[in-house]
Protein backbone atom coordinates (compact mmCIF):
# COMPACT_ATOMS: atom_id res chain seq x y z
CA MET A 1 -20.73 15.05 44.90
CA ALA A 2 -18.07 17.24 45.90
CA THR A 3 -14.77 17.04 44.38
CA THR A 4 -11.38 18.34 45.57
CA THR A 5 -8.51 18.87 42.94
CA ILE A 6 -5.04 19.94 43.71
CA ILE A 7 -2.95 21.57 41.05
CA THR A 8 0.49 23.18 41.26
CA VAL A 9 0.73 26.89 39.99
CA THR A 10 4.11 28.34 39.13
CA GLY A 11 5.23 32.04 39.13
CA MET A 12 3.71 33.24 42.31
CA THR A 13 5.95 35.21 44.60
CA CYS A 14 3.76 37.06 47.00
CA GLY A 15 0.32 37.27 48.65
CA HIS A 16 -1.22 39.51 45.87
CA CYS A 17 -0.21 36.51 43.60
CA THR A 18 -2.11 33.86 45.58
CA SER A 19 -5.07 36.22 45.58
CA THR A 20 -5.04 36.81 41.98
CA VAL A 21 -4.78 33.06 41.29
CA GLY A 22 -7.60 32.27 43.95
CA ASN A 23 -9.89 34.78 42.49
CA ALA A 24 -9.34 33.82 38.90
CA ILE A 25 -10.18 30.24 39.78
CA ASP A 26 -13.02 31.06 42.19
CA ALA A 27 -14.75 32.78 39.27
CA LEU A 28 -15.14 29.60 37.42
CA ASP A 29 -18.44 27.69 37.24
CA GLY A 30 -18.80 25.04 39.69
CA VAL A 31 -16.05 26.19 42.27
CA GLU A 32 -17.06 26.25 45.67
CA ASP A 33 -13.82 27.07 47.46
CA VAL A 34 -10.07 27.76 46.57
CA ALA A 35 -7.08 27.56 48.91
CA VAL A 36 -3.70 28.69 47.53
CA ASP A 37 -0.39 27.85 49.21
CA LEU A 38 2.41 30.39 48.30
CA ASP A 39 5.33 28.35 49.64
CA SER A 40 4.34 24.97 47.73
CA GLY A 41 2.47 26.42 44.79
CA ALA A 42 -0.44 24.09 45.60
CA VAL A 43 -3.82 25.23 44.78
CA THR A 44 -6.69 23.22 46.33
CA ILE A 45 -10.00 23.50 44.54
CA ARG A 46 -13.30 22.24 45.76
CA SER A 47 -16.14 21.97 43.17
CA ASP A 48 -19.56 20.75 43.00
CA GLY A 49 -18.59 18.09 40.40
CA GLU A 50 -15.91 17.36 37.93
CA LEU A 51 -13.80 20.42 37.11
CA ASN A 52 -12.77 21.55 33.78
CA ARG A 53 -9.07 21.44 33.70
CA ASP A 54 -8.60 23.37 30.49
CA ALA A 55 -10.79 26.24 32.06
CA VAL A 56 -8.64 26.12 35.15
CA SER A 57 -5.47 26.36 33.08
CA LYS A 58 -6.84 29.17 31.03
CA ALA A 59 -8.10 31.15 34.10
CA VAL A 60 -4.41 30.81 35.73
CA ALA A 61 -2.75 31.77 32.47
CA ASP A 62 -5.11 34.74 31.92
CA ALA A 63 -4.23 35.93 35.50
CA GLY A 64 -0.34 35.80 34.51
CA TYR A 65 0.79 32.33 36.04
CA ALA A 66 0.98 28.83 34.86
CA VAL A 67 -0.30 25.32 35.79
CA ALA A 68 2.47 22.90 36.25
CA PRO A 69 2.51 20.25 33.52
CA GLU A 70 0.98 16.77 34.36
CA GLY A 71 3.48 14.59 36.29
CA GLU A 72 4.61 17.53 38.43
CA PRO A 73 3.67 17.04 42.20
CA GLY A 74 0.16 17.90 43.02
CA LEU A 75 -1.28 18.16 39.50
CA GLY A 76 -4.14 15.93 38.90
CA ASP A 77 -4.91 14.76 42.24
CA ASN A 78 -8.66 14.23 42.52
CA LEU A 79 -10.17 13.41 45.89
CA LEU A 80 -13.76 12.44 45.93
CA ILE A 81 -15.45 13.61 49.12
């Protein structure tokens, strides 16, 4: 079953930033699609199952950005499709 997860990434300021974040997340196992919105910082991730949030946070951090802490808008929203 496909799962959609929405997180908020901070520190992005341009199109290159969104590409970097998107590519870092897209390289993770199980990720099928990534959409990054620069204005809101929202990153929508479609995966083929439950997403490993620690792996996502590490990939984003390794790319030079940060995932907003739990409780921030967008973080932790899972939608089963």
